[in-house]
C-alpha atoms as a PDB file:
ATOM      1  CA  UNK A   1       0.000   0.000   0.000  1.00  0.00           C
ATOM      2  CA  UNK A   2       1.370   3.384  -0.946  1.00  0.00           C
ATOM      3  CA  UNK A   3       1.957   6.154   1.522  1.00  0.00           C
ATOM      4  CA  UNK A   4      -1.105   8.344   1.934  1.00  0.00           C
ATOM      5  CA  UNK A   5      -0.369  11.988   1.282  1.00  0.00           C
ATOM      6  CA  UNK A   6      -1.933  14.996   2.967  1.00  0.00           C
ATOM      7  CA  UNK A   7      -4.542  17.184   1.244  1.00  0.00           C
ATOM      8  CA  UNK A   8      -3.860  20.745   0.203  1.00  0.00           C
ATOM      9  CA  UNK A   9      -5.343  23.415   2.423  1.00  0.00           C
ATOM     10  CA  UNK A  10      -8.446  25.455   1.760  1.00  0.00           C
ATOM     11  CA  UNK A  11     -10.940  27.291   4.019  1.00  0.00           C
ATOM     12  CA  UNK A  12     -13.400  25.147   5.945  1.00  0.00           C
ATOM     13  CA  UNK A  13     -17.124  25.613   5.470  1.00  0.00           C
ATOM     14  CA  UNK A  14     -18.711  25.446   8.889  1.00  0.00           C
ATOM     15  CA  UNK A  15     -22.386  24.614   9.171  1.00  0.00           C
ATOM     16  CA  UNK A  16     -24.738  23.620  11.946  1.00  0.00           C
ATOM     17  CA  UNK A  17     -26.610  20.332  11.646  1.00  0.00           C
ATOM     18  CA  UNK A  18     -28.288  17.612  13.637  1.00  0.00           C
ATOM     19  CA  UNK A  19     -28.136  13.845  13.793  1.00  0.00           C
ATOM     20  CA  UNK A  20     -30.828  11.302  14.587  1.00  0.00           C
ATOM     21  CA  UNK A  21     -31.577   7.631  14.610  1.00  0.00           C
ATOM     22  CA  UNK A  22     -34.716   5.504  14.766  1.00  0.00           C
ATOM     23  CA  UNK A  23     -35.805   1.934  14.157  1.00  0.00           C
ATOM     24  CA  UNK A  24     -35.837   2.188  10.375  1.00  0.00           C
ATOM     25  CA  UNK A  25     -33.047   1.782   7.867  1.00  0.00           C
ATOM     26  CA  UNK A  26     -32.827   1.728   4.094  1.00  0.00           C
ATOM     27  CA  UNK A  27     -31.280  -0.983   1.965  1.00  0.00           C
ATOM     28  CA  UNK A  28     -30.374  -1.112  -1.711  1.00  0.00           C
ATOM     29  CA  UNK A  29     -32.233   1.327  -3.953  1.00  0.00           C
ATOM     30  CA  UNK A  30     -33.765   2.950  -0.875  1.00  0.00           C
ATOM     31  CA  UNK A  31     -35.541  -0.179   0.409  1.00  0.00           C
ATOM     32  CA  UNK A  32     -36.621   0.400   4.024  1.00  0.00           C
ATOM     33  CA  UNK A  33     -35.378  -2.141   6.555  1.00  0.00           C
ATOM     34  CA  UNK A  34     -37.135  -2.324   9.924  1.00  0.00           C
ATOM     35  CA  UNK A  35     -34.965  -2.365  13.010  1.00  0.00           C
ATOM     36  CA  UNK A  36     -35.475  -2.992  16.709  1.00  0.00           C
ATOM     37  CA  UNK A  37     -32.331  -1.069  17.624  1.00  0.00           C
ATOM     38  CA  UNK A  38     -30.814   2.297  16.603  1.00  0.00           C
ATOM     39  CA  UNK A  39     -29.420   0.429  13.623  1.00  0.00           C
ATOM     40  CA  UNK A  40     -29.685  -3.200  12.648  1.00  0.00           C
ATOM     41  CA  UNK A  41     -26.067  -4.009  13.347  1.00  0.00           C
ATOM     42  CA  UNK A  42     -25.643  -2.281  16.706  1.00  0.00           C
ATOM     43  CA  UNK A  43     -25.461  -5.445  18.790  1.00  0.00           C
ATOM     44  CA  UNK A  44     -23.663  -7.338  16.036  1.00  0.00           C
ATOM     45  CA  UNK A  45     -20.986  -4.639  15.758  1.00  0.00           C
ATOM     46  CA  UNK A  46     -20.664  -3.884  19.472  1.00  0.00           C
ATOM     47  CA  UNK A  47     -17.390  -5.752  19.798  1.00  0.00           C
ATOM     48  CA  UNK A  48     -16.137  -4.811  16.339  1.00  0.00           C
ATOM     49  CA  UNK A  49     -13.215  -2.356  16.182  1.00  0.00           C
ATOM     50  CA  UNK A  50     -15.263  -0.320  13.690  1.00  0.00           C
ATOM     51  CA  UNK A  51     -18.422  -0.051  15.774  1.00  0.00           C
ATOM     52  CA  UNK A  52     -17.997   3.727  16.077  1.00  0.00           C
ATOM     53  CA  UNK A  53     -17.528   3.993  12.317  1.00  0.00           C
ATOM     54  CA  UNK A  54     -20.883   2.328  11.694  1.00  0.00           C
ATOM     55  CA  UNK A  55     -22.555   4.632  14.216  1.00  0.00           C
ATOM     56  CA  UNK A  56     -21.150   7.708  12.440  1.00  0.00           C
ATOM     57  CA  UNK A  57     -22.160   6.344   9.040  1.00  0.00           C
ATOM     58  CA  UNK A  58     -25.759   6.019  10.175  1.00  0.00           C
ATOM     59  CA  UNK A  59     -26.109   9.113  12.351  1.00  0.00           C
ATOM     60  CA  UNK A  60     -24.205  11.569  10.154  1.00  0.00           C
ATOM     61  CA  UNK A  61     -24.391   9.945   6.713  1.00  0.00           C
ATOM     62  CA  UNK A  62     -20.611  10.050   6.291  1.00  0.00           C
ATOM     63  CA  UNK A  63     -19.177   8.483   3.142  1.00  0.00           C
ATOM     64  CA  UNK A  64     -16.617   5.677   3.354  1.00  0.00           C
ATOM     65  CA  UNK A  65     -13.774   7.924   2.205  1.00  0.00           C
ATOM     66  CA  UNK A  66     -14.778  10.583   4.740  1.00  0.00           C
ATOM     67  CA  UNK A  67     -14.767   8.043   7.551  1.00  0.00           C
ATOM     68  CA  UNK A  68     -11.397   6.561   6.599  1.00  0.00           C
ATOM     69  CA  UNK A  69      -9.898  10.035   6.171  1.00  0.00           C
ATOM     70  CA  UNK A  70     -11.152  11.295   9.535  1.00  0.00           C
ATOM     71  CA  UNK A  71      -8.444  12.381  11.998  1.00  0.00           C
ATOM     72  CA  UNK A  72      -8.714  12.934  15.727  1.00  0.00           C
ATOM     73  CA  UNK A  73      -7.770  16.560  15.149  1.00  0.00           C
ATOM     74  CA  UNK A  74     -10.983  16.882  13.121  1.00  0.00           C
ATOM     75  CA  UNK A  75     -13.063  15.720  16.096  1.00  0.00           C
ATOM     76  CA  UNK A  76     -13.767  17.915  19.116  1.00  0.00           C
ATOM     77  CA  UNK A  77     -15.296  15.681  21.781  1.00  0.00           C
ATOM     78  CA  UNK A  78     -15.615  18.597  24.225  1.00  0.00           C
ATOM     79  CA  UNK A  79     -17.471  20.865  21.794  1.00  0.00           C
ATOM     80  CA  UNK A  80     -19.264  17.889  20.252  1.00  0.00           C
ATOM     81  CA  UNK A  81     -18.368  18.590  16.620  1.00  0.00           C
ATOM     82  CA  UNK A  82     -16.786  16.792  13.686  1.00  0.00           C
ATOM     83  CA  UNK A  83     -15.178  18.373  10.616  1.00  0.00           C
ATOM     84  CA  UNK A  84     -14.985  16.739   7.198  1.00  0.00           C
ATOM     85  CA  UNK A  85     -11.882  18.208   5.556  1.00  0.00           C
ATOM     86  CA  UNK A  86     -10.266  15.272   3.754  1.00  0.00           C
ATOM     87  CA  UNK A  87     -11.137  11.885   2.304  1.00  0.00           C
ATOM     88  CA  UNK A  88      -9.151   8.724   1.672  1.00  0.00           C
ATOM     89  CA  UNK A  89      -9.310   7.416  -1.875  1.00  0.00           C
ATOM     90  CA  UNK A  90      -7.223   5.440  -4.303  1.00  0.00           C
ATOM     91  CA  UNK A  91      -5.398   7.575  -6.857  1.00  0.00           C
ATOM     92  CA  UNK A  92      -3.190   5.916  -9.496  1.00  0.00           C
ATOM     93  CA  UNK A  93      -3.144   2.726  -7.464  1.00  0.00           C
ATOM     94  CA  UNK A  94      -2.161   4.417  -4.188  1.00  0.00           C
ATOM     95  CA  UNK A  95      -4.236   5.418  -1.185  1.00  0.00           C
ATOM     96  CA  UNK A  96      -4.115   9.183  -0.806  1.00  0.00           C
ATOM     97  CA  UNK A  97      -5.699  11.812   1.379  1.00  0.00           C
ATOM     98  CA  UNK A  98      -7.393  14.386  -0.841  1.00  0.00           C
ATOM     99  CA  UNK A  99      -9.801  17.238  -0.371  1.00  0.00           C
ATOM    100  CA  UNK A 100     -13.521  16.523  -0.721  1.00  0.00           C
ATOM    101  CA  UNK A 101     -14.725  16.971  -4.282  1.00  0.00           C
ATOM    102  CA  UNK A 102     -17.155  19.819  -3.548  1.00  0.00           C
ATOM    103  CA  UNK A 103     -17.448  22.700  -1.089  1.00  0.00           C
ATOM    104  CA  UNK A 104     -20.670  21.163   0.220  1.00  0.00           C
ATOM    105  CA  UNK A 105     -18.767  18.021   1.173  1.00  0.00           C
ATOM    106  CA  UNK A 106     -16.509  20.050   3.466  1.00  0.00           C
ATOM    107  CA  UNK A 107     -18.626  20.584   6.532  1.00  0.00           C
ATOM    108  CA  UNK A 108     -18.761  20.811  10.318  1.00  0.00           C
ATOM    109  CA  UNK A 109     -21.361  18.633  11.999  1.00  0.00           C
ATOM    110  CA  UNK A 110     -22.566  18.553  15.611  1.00  0.00           C
ATOM    111  CA  UNK A 111     -22.221  15.133  17.213  1.00  0.00           C
ATOM    112  CA  UNK A 112     -25.283  13.615  18.915  1.00  0.00           C
ATOM    113  CA  UNK A 113     -24.637  11.839  22.209  1.00  0.00           C
ATOM    114  CA  UNK A 114     -24.754   8.410  20.572  1.00  0.00           C
ATOM    115  CA  UNK A 115     -21.797   9.391  18.385  1.00  0.00           C
ATOM    116  CA  UNK A 116     -19.874  11.004  21.242  1.00  0.00           C
ATOM    117  CA  UNK A 117     -20.210   7.898  23.397  1.00  0.00           C
ATOM    118  CA  UNK A 118     -19.124   5.634  20.535  1.00  0.00           C
ATOM    119  CA  UNK A 119     -16.099   7.814  19.724  1.00  0.00           C
ATOM    120  CA  UNK A 120     -14.955   8.036  23.343  1.00  0.00           C
ATOM    121  CA  UNK A 121     -15.106   4.278  23.696  1.00  0.00           C
ATOM    122  CA  UNK A 122     -13.362   3.867  20.355  1.00  0.00           C
ATOM    123  CA  UNK A 123     -10.524   6.154  21.444  1.00  0.00           C
ATOM    124  CA  UNK A 124      -9.949   4.038  24.560  1.00  0.00           C
ATOM    125  CA  UNK A 125      -9.868   0.921  22.404  1.00  0.00           C
ATOM    126  CA  UNK A 126      -7.408   2.536  20.000  1.00  0.00           C
ATOM    127  CA  UNK A 127      -5.048   3.562  22.830  1.00  0.00           C
ATOM    128  CA  UNK A 128      -4.951  -0.058  23.986  1.00  0.00           C
ATOM    129  CA  UNK A 129      -4.442  -1.301  20.427  1.00  0.00           C
ATOM    130  CA  UNK A 130      -1.601   1.147  19.869  1.00  0.00           C
ATOM    131  CA  UNK A 131       0.121   0.066  23.091  1.00  0.00           C
ATOM    132  CA  UNK A 132      -0.094  -3.586  22.089  1.00  0.00           C
ATOM    133  CA  UNK A 133       1.282  -2.872  18.606  1.00  0.00           C
ATOM    134  CA  UNK A 134       4.099  -0.538  19.670  1.00  0.00           C
ATOM    135  CA  UNK A 135       6.760  -0.023  18.309  1.00  0.00           C
ATOM    136  CA  UNK A 136       5.252  -1.158  14.989  1.00  0.00           C
ATOM    137  CA  UNK A 137       2.429   1.383  15.194  1.00  0.00           C
ATOM    138  CA  UNK A 138       2.664   4.111  12.506  1.00  0.00           C
ATOM    139  CA  UNK A 139       0.724   7.061  13.835  1.00  0.00           C
ATOM    140  CA  UNK A 140      -1.189   9.055  11.214  1.00  0.00           C
ATOM    141  CA  UNK A 141      -3.641  10.522  13.703  1.00  0.00           C
ATOM    142  CA  UNK A 142      -6.527   8.651  12.066  1.00  0.00           C
ATOM    143  CA  UNK A 143      -9.739   7.805  13.875  1.00  0.00           C
ATOM    144  CA  UNK A 144     -10.219   4.613  11.870  1.00  0.00           C
ATOM    145  CA  UNK A 145      -6.804   3.295  10.788  1.00  0.00           C
ATOM    146  CA  UNK A 146      -5.544  -0.212  10.163  1.00  0.00           C
ATOM    147  CA  UNK A 147      -4.285  -2.292  13.090  1.00  0.00           C
ATOM    148  CA  UNK A 148      -0.857  -0.705  12.508  1.00  0.00           C
ATOM    149  CA  UNK A 149      -2.114   2.883  12.476  1.00  0.00           C
ATOM    150  CA  UNK A 150      -1.774   3.255   8.707  1.00  0.00           C
ATOM    151  CA  UNK A 151      -4.629   4.282   6.375  1.00  0.00           C
ATOM    152  CA  UNK A 152      -7.236   1.537   6.195  1.00  0.00           C
ATOM    153  CA  UNK A 153      -7.534  -0.500   3.023  1.00  0.00           C
ATOM    154  CA  UNK A 154     -11.195  -0.014   1.926  1.00  0.00           C
ATOM    155  CA  UNK A 155     -11.579  -3.712   1.084  1.00  0.00           C
ATOM    156  CA  UNK A 156     -10.776  -4.611   4.693  1.00  0.00           C
ATOM    157  CA  UNK A 157     -13.570  -2.341   5.869  1.00  0.00           C
ATOM    158  CA  UNK A 158     -15.919  -3.929   3.348  1.00  0.00           C
ATOM    159  CA  UNK A 159     -15.134  -7.368   4.762  1.00  0.00           C
ATOM    160  CA  UNK A 160     -15.669  -6.137   8.316  1.00  0.00           C
ATOM    161  CA  UNK A 161     -19.067  -4.725   7.357  1.00  0.00           C
ATOM    162  CA  UNK A 162     -19.953  -7.985   5.631  1.00  0.00           C
ATOM    163  CA  UNK A 163     -19.466  -9.849   8.897  1.00  0.00           C
ATOM    164  CA  UNK A 164     -21.601  -7.360  10.846  1.00  0.00           C
ATOM    165  CA  UNK A 165     -24.282  -7.345   8.167  1.00  0.00           C
ATOM    166  CA  UNK A 166     -24.539 -11.112   8.172  1.00  0.00           C
ATOM    167  CA  UNK A 167     -24.719 -11.327  11.966  1.00  0.00           C
ATOM    168  CA  UNK A 168     -27.457  -8.668  12.031  1.00  0.00           C
ATOM    169  CA  UNK A 169     -29.485 -10.316   9.266  1.00  0.00           C
ATOM    170  CA  UNK A 170     -29.328  -7.281   6.994  1.00  0.00           C
ATOM    171  CA  UNK A 171     -29.197  -9.230   3.730  1.00  0.00           C
ATOM    172  CA  UNK A 172     -27.247  -7.443   0.999  1.00  0.00           C
ATOM    173  CA  UNK A 173     -27.306  -4.039   2.646  1.00  0.00           C
ATOM    174  CA  UNK A 174     -24.167  -2.105   1.716  1.00  0.00           C
ATOM    175  CA  UNK A 175     -22.169   0.136   4.028  1.00  0.00           C
ATOM    176  CA  UNK A 176     -23.123   3.074   1.788  1.00  0.00           C
ATOM    177  CA  UNK A 177     -26.785   2.300   2.438  1.00  0.00           C
ATOM    178  CA  UNK A 178     -26.317   3.565   6.003  1.00  0.00           C
ATOM    179  CA  UNK A 179     -25.852   6.984   4.410  1.00  0.00           C
ATOM    180  CA  UNK A 180     -29.176   6.598   2.596  1.00  0.00           C
ATOM    181  CA  UNK A 181     -30.710   5.480   5.875  1.00  0.00           C
ATOM    182  CA  UNK A 182     -29.551   8.679   7.560  1.00  0.00           C
ATOM    183  CA  UNK A 183     -31.213  10.816   4.883  1.00  0.00           C
ATOM    184  CA  UNK A 184     -34.529   8.961   5.101  1.00  0.00           C
ATOM    185  CA  UNK A 185     -34.604   9.002   8.903  1.00  0.00           C
ATOM    186  CA  UNK A 186     -33.926  12.714   9.155  1.00  0.00           C
ATOM    187  CA  UNK A 187     -36.593  13.572   6.594  1.00  0.00           C
ATOM    188  CA  UNK A 188     -39.062  11.238   8.316  1.00  0.00           C
ATOM    189  CA  UNK A 189     -38.347  13.111  11.555  1.00  0.00           C
ATOM    190  CA  UNK A 190     -39.351  16.363   9.879  1.00  0.00           C
ATOM    191  CA  UNK A 191     -35.885  17.853   9.429  1.00  0.00           C
ATOM    192  CA  UNK A 192     -36.014  20.385   6.547  1.00  0.00           C
ATOM    193  CA  UNK A 193     -34.459  19.022   3.325  1.00  0.00           C
ATOM    194  CA  UNK A 194     -31.884  21.806   3.093  1.00  0.00           C
ATOM    195  CA  UNK A 195     -30.601  20.940   6.584  1.00  0.00           C
ATOM    196  CA  UNK A 196     -30.419  17.244   5.688  1.00  0.00           C
ATOM    197  CA  UNK A 197     -28.452  18.170   2.564  1.00  0.00           C
ATOM    198  CA  UNK A 198     -25.940  20.093   4.688  1.00  0.00           C
ATOM    199  CA  UNK A 199     -25.609  17.256   7.203  1.00  0.00           C
ATOM    200  CA  UNK A 200     -24.713  14.625   4.609  1.00  0.00           C
ATOM    201  CA  UNK A 201     -22.874  16.972   2.249  1.00  0.00           C
ATOM    202  CA  UNK A 202     -24.974  16.515  -0.886  1.00  0.00           C
ATOM    203  CA  UNK A 203     -24.088  18.893  -3.703  1.00  0.00           C
ATOM    204  CA  UNK A 204     -27.737  19.314  -4.697  1.00  0.00           C
ATOM    205  CA  UNK A 205     -30.948  19.052  -2.713  1.00  0.00           C
ATOM    206  CA  UNK A 206     -32.442  16.972  -5.536  1.00  0.00           C
ATOM    207  CA  UNK A 207     -30.028  14.161  -4.601  1.00  0.00           C
ATOM    208  CA  UNK A 208     -31.349  14.284  -1.044  1.00  0.00           C
ATOM    209  CA  UNK A 209     -34.974  14.111  -2.131  1.00  0.00           C
ATOM    210  CA  UNK A 210     -34.363  11.368  -4.705  1.00  0.00           C
ATOM    211  CA  UNK A 211     -33.059   9.039  -1.985  1.00  0.00           C
ATOM    212  CA  UNK A 212     -36.133   9.782   0.107  1.00  0.00           C
ATOM    213  CA  UNK A 213     -38.469   9.304  -2.837  1.00  0.00           C
ATOM    214  CA  UNK A 214     -37.063   5.822  -3.471  1.00  0.00           C
ATOM    215  CA  UNK A 215     -37.737   4.826   0.137  1.00  0.00           C
ATOM    216  CA  UNK A 216     -41.226   6.342   0.190  1.00  0.00           C
ATOM    217  CA  UNK A 217     -42.249   4.669  -3.076  1.00  0.00           C
ATOM    218  CA  UNK A 218     -41.112   1.285  -1.830  1.00  0.00           C
ATOM    219  CA  UNK A 219     -43.106   1.724   1.365  1.00  0.00           C
ATOM    220  CA  UNK A 220     -46.207   2.562  -0.667  1.00  0.00           C
ATOM    221  CA  UNK A 221     -45.648  -0.503  -2.833  1.00  0.00           C
ATOM    222  CA  UNK A 222     -45.310  -2.677   0.254  1.00  0.00           C
ATOM    223  CA  UNK A 223     -48.488  -1.235   1.814  1.00  0.00           C
ATOM    224  CA  UNK A 224     -50.538  -1.676  -1.344  1.00  0.00           C
ATOM    225  CA  UNK A 225     -49.188  -5.206  -1.733  1.00  0.00           C
ATOM    226  CA  UNK A 226     -50.555  -6.048   1.708  1.00  0.00           C
ATOM    227  CA  UNK A 227     -53.901  -4.512   0.759  1.00  0.00           C
ATOM    228  CA  UNK A 228     -53.983  -6.556  -2.440  1.00  0.00           C
ATOM    229  CA  UNK A 229     -53.246  -9.744  -0.512  1.00  0.00           C
ATOM    230  CA  UNK A 230     -56.012  -8.951   1.958  1.00  0.00           C
ATOM    231  CA  UNK A 231     -58.550  -8.378  -0.817  1.00  0.00           C
ATOM    232  CA  UNK A 232     -57.580 -11.405  -2.911  1.00  0.00           C
END
């Protein structure tokens, strides 16, 4: 794996936002997935080293590259905020830290208590992991690094999610679908679309509403299917 390089600097765009969770999630193509817990994999991922990552993905709608590029210096646990200022992506075969593609993707987000608790516990776990690995630990200041402190290979995260997904009975739900879940939950809770767009960093509000429309249409189809079965 190539050495990840730092992003160039540019002004941060700070915005206020909110996070929320409920018993519903969304699978592929916006399919709603009912849950009994804040998210379907909470118990399944509780002992996973990426539990906090999954909580952030659901509560804040963070993209995979945003999560893997997140540094502790971007998180203020006292103020309860998180800044998205860089992402991890593969460029010319190497993992690199680069700036988010759009200004809307660079954002500051308040952290709900669920996220704060998960991050504090994750930091304790990482301190212990670093001590056990020392002196082989390569500190990049990342919140979600590999077991050696280096930037995480995305395929390793995908495999970790696959294990959690299977244990939680979430079918073929992708990690990215937690982002769609976040959008649908916030809109269901009555959060204005423009605020939801700022929370998840969509470039256009139409993207936000399209995700919600997919989920709503599937719910209508499911409801009418039940009615049809009852009348048959």
